[in-house]
Amino acid sequence: MQYLDLKKRLKDFLIFSIKDIEKLNLSFYKQRLSEWQSKGYIKKICQGFYVFSDLEINEKDMFIIANKIYEPSYVSLETALSFYGLIPETVYSVTSVTSRNTKDKKTLIGTFIYKRIKPSFMFGYDLEKHNGFNYRIAEMEKAILDYLYLNAKINNRESFDETRFNVTELISRLDVEKFNKYLEAFNNKALARRAKKFLTYIQNYD
């Protein structure tokens, strides 16, 4: 298979894998991938996954890629909080949660960070569409709870202040009923205590 043929046949793929190529050509010579990388035609994202080098990648593309290269996972934590405008910092890596092992993937297009949670906590995310692709991202309420669950030291007004939560945005957009429903599903007393302190913090903020 020639490169131009591959690009034509995978023109609708944001990211592609060796398996995707083998579906087109079972006898594909994998060494061609190294040759095409050397020529600058494609970029290797991580083991088994590639993108075309001329692809312009935006934030939501990164979310799609994050979902794809380590499954099951969904975007959450700092990335989701920043996306929703709940923290002011620009996040330079894509943070996700997964039921698999914690892992960092440093790639040519950015860093992808995955934090492990229990399989039973893999809920509370939306399936969003972008340019014909789907990506999974935590709902606002779940992103906060994931963050509090994985950051036990964030448990009082001082640490909430240091995180620089956008309280105005939280007050206007947070669905407290949904937040408490998801909190109950965690069935975690330590998290419940931190979450209640968080709600008190934003409700009494001045």
Protein backbone atom coordinates (compact mmCIF):
# COMPACT_ATOMS: atom_id res chain seq x y z
CA MET A 1 0.00 0.00 0.00
CA GLN A 2 1.33 3.43 -0.98
CA TYR A 3 1.10 6.43 1.35
CA LEU A 4 -1.25 8.43 -0.88
CA ASP A 5 -3.57 5.44 -1.10
CA LEU A 6 -3.57 5.13 2.69
CA LYS A 7 -4.29 8.81 3.18
CA LYS A 8 -7.14 8.72 0.70
CA ARG A 9 -8.74 5.71 2.32
CA LEU A 10 -8.32 7.06 5.87
CA LYS A 11 -9.15 10.68 5.02
CA ASP A 12 -12.07 10.67 7.48
CA PHE A 13 -9.95 9.37 10.38
CA LEU A 14 -8.68 11.80 13.01
CA ILE A 15 -6.41 9.13 14.47
CA PHE A 16 -5.77 5.67 13.05
CA SER A 17 -4.29 2.45 14.29
CA ILE A 18 -2.39 -0.43 12.77
CA LYS A 19 -5.62 -2.43 13.06
CA ASP A 20 -7.41 0.18 10.95
CA ILE A 21 -4.76 -0.22 8.24
CA GLU A 22 -4.90 -4.01 8.38
CA LYS A 23 -8.65 -3.85 7.78
CA LEU A 24 -7.79 -2.23 4.45
CA ASN A 25 -4.82 -4.43 3.68
CA LEU A 26 -4.24 -7.58 5.73
CA SER A 27 -0.74 -8.03 4.33
CA PHE A 28 0.35 -4.46 5.10
CA TYR A 29 4.12 -4.21 5.68
CA LYS A 30 4.40 -2.45 9.06
CA GLN A 31 7.91 -1.17 8.34
CA ARG A 32 6.28 1.34 5.99
CA LEU A 33 5.02 3.20 9.06
CA SER A 34 8.60 3.89 10.19
CA GLU A 35 9.49 5.04 6.67
CA TRP A 36 6.52 7.41 6.56
CA GLN A 37 7.44 8.81 9.99
CA SER A 38 11.00 9.46 8.78
CA LYS A 39 9.63 11.31 5.75
CA GLY A 40 7.35 13.40 7.97
CA TYR A 41 4.13 12.03 6.51
CA ILE A 42 2.72 10.69 9.78
CA LYS A 43 3.31 11.08 13.52
CA LYS A 44 3.27 8.28 16.04
CA ILE A 45 1.08 9.21 19.00
CA CYS A 46 1.77 6.10 21.06
CA GLN A 47 2.14 2.39 20.50
CA GLY A 48 -0.10 1.45 17.59
CA PHE A 49 -1.69 4.89 16.96
CA TYR A 50 -0.85 7.54 14.37
CA VAL A 51 -2.06 10.82 12.88
CA PHE A 52 -1.25 12.47 9.56
CA SER A 53 1.42 15.14 10.04
CA ASP A 54 -0.52 17.87 8.23
CA LEU A 55 -3.48 17.53 10.61
CA GLU A 56 -4.31 20.69 12.56
CA ILE A 57 -5.32 19.52 16.02
CA ASN A 58 -7.57 21.58 18.30
CA GLU A 59 -8.69 21.09 21.89
CA LYS A 60 -11.65 18.83 21.13
CA ASP A 61 -9.52 16.75 18.76
CA MET A 62 -7.22 16.15 21.73
CA PHE A 63 -10.20 14.93 23.74
CA ILE A 64 -11.09 12.44 21.01
CA ILE A 65 -7.50 11.21 20.86
CA ALA A 66 -7.33 10.93 24.66
CA ASN A 67 -10.40 8.68 24.64
CA LYS A 68 -9.04 6.56 21.82
CA ILE A 69 -5.49 5.77 22.93
CA TYR A 70 -6.38 4.48 26.40
CA GLU A 71 -9.77 2.86 26.82
CA PRO A 72 -12.00 2.95 28.73
CA SER A 73 -11.52 6.56 29.77
CA TYR A 74 -13.20 9.94 29.69
CA VAL A 75 -11.84 13.49 29.97
CA SER A 76 -12.18 14.85 33.50
CA LEU A 77 -10.22 16.49 36.36
CA GLU A 78 -8.26 19.68 35.50
CA THR A 79 -8.99 19.50 31.78
CA ALA A 80 -12.75 19.29 32.25
CA LEU A 81 -12.72 21.91 35.00
CA SER A 82 -10.82 24.29 32.72
CA PHE A 83 -13.09 23.47 29.78
CA TYR A 84 -16.14 24.43 31.87
CA GLY A 85 -14.47 27.63 33.07
CA LEU A 86 -14.33 26.45 36.69
CA ILE A 87 -10.58 26.99 37.10
CA PRO A 88 -8.64 29.81 35.42
CA GLU A 89 -5.47 28.03 34.40
CA THR A 90 -4.85 26.83 30.88
CA VAL A 91 -4.24 23.10 31.12
CA TYR A 92 -1.35 21.98 28.91
CA SER A 93 -2.06 18.26 29.21
CA VAL A 94 -5.28 16.32 28.77
CA THR A 95 -6.37 14.71 32.04
CA SER A 96 -8.75 11.78 32.07
CA VAL A 97 -9.96 9.10 34.43
CA THR A 98 -9.89 5.40 33.66
CA SER A 99 -10.70 2.08 35.28
CA ARG A 100 -7.29 0.83 34.13
CA ASN A 101 -3.90 1.62 35.67
CA THR A 102 -2.77 5.21 36.14
CA LYS A 103 -0.62 6.22 33.18
CA ASP A 104 1.07 9.23 31.57
CA LYS A 105 1.56 9.26 27.80
CA LYS A 106 3.96 11.91 26.49
CA THR A 107 3.53 12.27 22.75
CA LEU A 108 4.55 14.53 19.88
CA ILE A 109 1.23 16.39 20.12
CA GLY A 110 0.96 16.67 23.90
CA THR A 111 0.78 14.83 27.19
CA PHE A 112 -2.15 12.61 28.13
CA ILE A 113 -2.60 11.82 31.83
CA TYR A 114 -4.90 9.05 33.08
CA LYS A 115 -5.83 8.61 36.74
CA ARG A 116 -7.35 5.37 37.96
CA ILE A 117 -10.74 5.23 39.64
CA LYS A 118 -12.85 2.21 40.51
CA PRO A 119 -14.78 0.71 37.59
CA SER A 120 -18.02 1.46 39.46
CA PHE A 121 -17.11 5.19 39.38
CA MET A 122 -17.01 5.29 35.57
CA PHE A 123 -20.25 7.24 35.16
CA GLY A 124 -21.43 10.83 34.90
CA TYR A 125 -19.97 11.71 31.52
CA ASP A 126 -21.51 12.96 28.30
CA LEU A 127 -20.89 11.70 24.78
CA GLU A 128 -20.24 14.85 22.76
CA LYS A 129 -19.87 15.23 19.00
CA HIS A 130 -17.11 17.11 17.19
CA ASN A 131 -16.57 17.08 13.42
CA GLY A 132 -18.27 13.73 13.07
CA PHE A 133 -16.43 12.10 15.98
CA ASN A 134 -17.55 11.38 19.53
CA TYR A 135 -15.68 12.03 22.75
CA ARG A 136 -16.50 11.32 26.39
CA ILE A 137 -16.14 14.13 28.92
CA ALA A 138 -17.28 14.32 32.54
CA GLU A 139 -20.30 16.42 33.33
CA MET A 140 -19.42 19.43 35.44
CA GLU A 141 -20.66 17.86 38.66
CA LYS A 142 -18.79 14.61 38.06
CA ALA A 143 -15.56 16.40 37.09
CA ILE A 144 -15.59 18.17 40.46
CA LEU A 145 -16.22 14.94 42.35
CA ASP A 146 -13.53 13.08 40.40
CA TYR A 147 -11.14 15.88 41.27
CA LEU A 148 -12.02 15.88 44.97
CA TYR A 149 -11.87 12.08 45.09
CA LEU A 150 -8.35 11.98 43.65
CA ASN A 151 -7.06 15.01 45.59
CA ALA A 152 -7.74 14.25 49.24
CA LYS A 153 -5.72 17.27 50.44
CA ILE A 154 -8.22 19.65 48.89
CA ASN A 155 -10.56 19.62 51.85
CA ASN A 156 -10.91 23.11 53.35
CA ARG A 157 -11.41 26.78 52.45
CA GLU A 158 -7.68 27.42 52.10
CA SER A 159 -7.16 24.59 49.64
CA PHE A 160 -10.34 25.53 47.73
CA ASP A 161 -8.99 29.10 47.47
CA GLU A 162 -5.63 27.81 46.25
CA THR A 163 -7.38 25.84 43.50
CA ARG A 164 -8.92 29.16 42.41
CA PHE A 165 -12.38 27.82 41.67
CA ASN A 166 -14.58 30.23 39.72
CA VAL A 167 -17.27 30.45 42.36
CA THR A 168 -19.48 32.79 40.33
CA GLU A 169 -19.61 30.23 37.54
CA LEU A 170 -20.21 27.41 40.01
CA ILE A 171 -23.12 29.16 41.69
CA SER A 172 -24.81 29.88 38.36
CA ARG A 173 -24.27 26.48 36.73
CA LEU A 174 -23.81 23.75 39.34
CA ASP A 175 -26.74 21.34 39.60
CA VAL A 176 -26.61 20.58 43.33
CA GLU A 177 -29.21 17.82 43.08
CA LYS A 178 -27.14 16.03 40.43
CA PHE A 179 -23.95 16.67 42.41
CA ASN A 180 -25.44 15.00 45.50
CA LYS A 181 -26.85 12.14 43.43
CA TYR A 182 -23.39 11.40 41.99
CA LEU A 183 -21.81 11.85 45.41
CA GLU A 184 -24.16 9.23 46.85
CA ALA A 185 -23.17 6.83 44.07
CA PHE A 186 -19.52 7.03 45.17
CA ASN A 187 -20.54 5.68 48.58
CA ASN A 188 -17.34 7.10 50.07
CA LYS A 189 -17.53 8.78 53.48
CA ALA A 190 -14.26 10.69 53.16
CA LEU A 191 -15.30 12.10 49.80
CA ALA A 192 -18.73 12.96 51.18
CA ARG A 193 -17.13 15.06 53.92
CA ARG A 194 -14.95 16.96 51.42
CA ALA A 195 -17.84 17.43 49.01
CA LYS A 196 -20.08 18.86 51.72
CA LYS A 197 -17.32 21.29 52.70
CA PHE A 198 -17.01 22.26 49.04
CA LEU A 199 -20.74 23.01 48.77
CA THR A 200 -20.62 25.05 51.97
CA TYR A 201 -17.63 26.93 50.58
CA ILE A 202 -19.34 28.05 47.38
CA GLN A 203 -22.67 28.75 49.12
CA ASN A 204 -21.02 31.02 51.72
CA TYR A 205 -18.37 32.53 49.47
CA ASP A 206 -17.75 36.27 49.77
